[in-house]
Amino acid sequence: MKNTLRPGLTYQFPFKVPPSKTVPHLYPESEMFQQMPHVLATGFMVGLMEWACIEALRPHLDWPNEQSLGTRVNFSHLAATPPGLTVTVDVRLDEVEGRKLVFFLTAHDGVDKIAEGTHERVVIDAAKFNAKVAEKSRAAGL
């Protein structure tokens, strides 16, 4: 981690919602999901919030050797967003405790605030992490 990674860091991330990020596309295997509204799925919204944090962090890490992984999400999904609208995620880094990072985020679709909450991430050494995952796969017989 670079010494520029400090509380108070802010970032804004826009994303135009395509039809492929709506509820029926979250789990295409689910017949029930296929019958649900074509609005931004909460699962994709969480991923979008994580993506915004990753983009905010990248200049402050030794990317790709250092990366970050989400460890906690606490978001409220406040309003539905149809495809075609642009969601803007506002990121603020509130805490840096060693490798643990705590963010506050809000998201707006140009009409409504659609989400807000906190997100924790941990900075990892990618090579060490990938080695541990490979060992776990081997131990599981995969």
Protein backbone atom coordinates (compact mmCIF):
# COMPACT_ATOMS: atom_id res chain seq x y z
CA MET A 1 0.00 0.00 0.00
CA LYS A 2 1.24 3.42 -0.87
CA ASN A 3 1.34 6.19 1.72
CA THR A 4 -1.32 8.02 -0.31
CA LEU A 5 -3.95 5.53 0.91
CA ARG A 6 -5.51 7.57 3.70
CA PRO A 7 -8.93 8.28 5.18
CA GLY A 8 -10.73 11.02 3.32
CA LEU A 9 -10.00 9.59 -0.13
CA THR A 10 -13.01 10.13 -2.39
CA TYR A 11 -13.94 8.77 -5.79
CA GLN A 12 -16.93 8.95 -8.11
CA PHE A 13 -17.78 6.08 -10.45
CA PRO A 14 -20.50 6.24 -13.15
CA PHE A 15 -22.01 3.13 -14.73
CA LYS A 16 -24.80 2.93 -17.31
CA VAL A 17 -27.03 0.01 -16.37
CA PRO A 18 -27.39 -2.47 -19.26
CA PRO A 19 -30.26 -5.00 -19.50
CA SER A 20 -27.76 -7.75 -18.58
CA LYS A 21 -27.51 -6.38 -15.00
CA THR A 22 -31.21 -6.76 -14.21
CA VAL A 23 -32.79 -9.28 -11.83
CA PRO A 24 -33.59 -11.96 -14.49
CA HIS A 25 -29.88 -12.08 -15.39
CA LEU A 26 -28.59 -12.55 -11.84
CA TYR A 27 -29.29 -16.29 -11.81
CA PRO A 28 -30.53 -17.32 -15.25
CA GLU A 29 -30.95 -20.87 -13.85
CA SER A 30 -33.76 -19.63 -11.60
CA GLU A 31 -37.22 -19.69 -13.18
CA MET A 32 -38.48 -17.33 -10.45
CA PHE A 33 -35.78 -14.77 -11.24
CA GLN A 34 -36.87 -14.90 -14.89
CA GLN A 35 -40.31 -13.69 -13.85
CA MET A 36 -39.04 -10.73 -11.81
CA PRO A 37 -38.81 -7.06 -12.87
CA HIS A 38 -36.13 -5.87 -15.25
CA VAL A 39 -34.41 -3.50 -12.81
CA LEU A 40 -30.86 -3.37 -11.44
CA ALA A 41 -30.45 -6.47 -9.29
CA THR A 42 -29.27 -5.97 -5.72
CA GLY A 43 -26.52 -8.54 -6.33
CA PHE A 44 -25.20 -6.54 -9.29
CA MET A 45 -25.55 -3.32 -7.28
CA VAL A 46 -23.32 -4.77 -4.55
CA GLY A 47 -20.78 -5.73 -7.21
CA LEU A 48 -20.95 -2.21 -8.63
CA MET A 49 -20.26 -0.73 -5.18
CA GLU A 50 -17.26 -3.06 -4.81
CA TRP A 51 -16.02 -2.14 -8.30
CA ALA A 52 -16.15 1.55 -7.40
CA CYS A 53 -13.99 0.89 -4.33
CA ILE A 54 -11.49 -1.13 -6.38
CA GLU A 55 -11.20 1.72 -8.88
CA ALA A 56 -10.73 4.21 -6.03
CA LEU A 57 -7.96 2.07 -4.53
CA ARG A 58 -6.01 1.06 -7.62
CA PRO A 59 -3.74 4.15 -7.77
CA HIS A 60 -2.87 3.64 -4.11
CA LEU A 61 -1.85 -0.03 -4.38
CA ASP A 62 1.00 -1.85 -6.12
CA TRP A 63 -1.50 -3.20 -8.66
CA PRO A 64 -1.74 -6.07 -9.66
CA ASN A 65 0.59 -7.47 -6.96
CA GLU A 66 -1.57 -5.88 -4.29
CA GLN A 67 -5.32 -6.13 -4.63
CA SER A 68 -8.29 -5.86 -2.30
CA LEU A 69 -11.13 -8.20 -1.48
CA GLY A 70 -14.48 -7.41 0.07
CA THR A 71 -15.03 -8.80 3.56
CA ARG A 72 -18.26 -7.06 4.62
CA VAL A 73 -21.13 -5.30 2.87
CA ASN A 74 -23.88 -3.32 4.56
CA PHE A 75 -25.93 -1.58 1.88
CA SER A 76 -29.55 -0.56 1.71
CA HIS A 77 -31.08 -0.84 -1.77
CA LEU A 78 -33.47 2.12 -1.67
CA ALA A 79 -34.97 2.45 -5.16
CA ALA A 80 -35.35 0.49 -8.40
CA THR A 81 -33.27 1.45 -11.43
CA PRO A 82 -34.32 0.43 -14.95
CA PRO A 83 -31.72 -0.28 -17.66
CA GLY A 84 -30.49 2.79 -19.50
CA LEU A 85 -30.05 4.99 -16.44
CA THR A 86 -26.55 5.85 -15.23
CA VAL A 87 -25.78 5.01 -11.63
CA THR A 88 -23.12 7.19 -10.02
CA VAL A 89 -21.40 5.69 -6.99
CA ASP A 90 -19.75 8.09 -4.55
CA VAL A 91 -16.98 6.46 -2.51
CA ARG A 92 -15.37 7.79 0.65
CA LEU A 93 -12.63 5.93 2.52
CA ASP A 94 -13.34 6.46 6.21
CA GLU A 95 -10.86 4.14 7.96
CA VAL A 96 -7.50 2.52 7.29
CA GLU A 97 -6.57 -0.01 9.98
CA GLY A 98 -3.50 -1.83 8.70
CA ARG A 99 -4.75 -3.77 5.66
CA LYS A 100 -8.44 -3.29 6.57
CA LEU A 101 -10.27 -0.47 4.79
CA VAL A 102 -13.74 0.88 5.62
CA PHE A 103 -15.73 2.82 3.03
CA PHE A 104 -18.98 4.79 3.05
CA LEU A 105 -20.82 4.74 -0.28
CA THR A 106 -23.92 6.21 -1.85
CA ALA A 107 -25.36 5.59 -5.30
CA HIS A 108 -27.76 7.73 -7.33
CA ASP A 109 -29.40 6.95 -10.70
CA GLY A 110 -30.10 10.56 -11.71
CA VAL A 111 -33.62 10.35 -10.32
CA ASP A 112 -33.29 8.71 -6.88
CA LYS A 113 -30.69 7.80 -4.32
CA ILE A 114 -30.68 4.04 -4.90
CA ALA A 115 -28.22 2.82 -2.29
CA GLU A 116 -26.10 3.74 0.68
CA GLY A 117 -24.05 1.96 3.26
CA THR A 118 -20.64 0.75 4.31
CA HIS A 119 -18.18 -1.69 2.84
CA GLU A 120 -15.02 -3.25 4.25
CA ARG A 121 -12.16 -4.49 2.14
CA VAL A 122 -8.77 -6.03 2.94
CA VAL A 123 -5.61 -5.42 0.94
CA ILE A 124 -4.04 -8.73 -0.10
CA ASP A 125 -0.81 -9.94 -1.64
CA ALA A 126 -2.28 -11.51 -4.79
CA ALA A 127 0.37 -14.22 -5.20
CA LYS A 128 0.06 -15.41 -1.58
CA PHE A 129 -3.72 -15.35 -1.73
CA ASN A 130 -3.85 -17.27 -5.02
CA ALA A 131 -1.45 -19.88 -3.61
CA LYS A 132 -3.74 -20.43 -0.60
CA VAL A 133 -6.78 -20.79 -2.87
CA ALA A 134 -4.94 -23.28 -5.08
CA GLU A 135 -4.00 -25.31 -2.01
CA LYS A 136 -7.61 -25.31 -0.83
CA SER A 137 -8.74 -26.56 -4.26
CA ARG A 138 -6.13 -29.33 -4.15
CA ALA A 139 -7.18 -30.34 -0.62
CA ALA A 140 -10.79 -30.51 -1.82
CA GLY A 141 -9.76 -32.77 -4.71
CA LEU A 142 -10.59 -30.26 -7.40
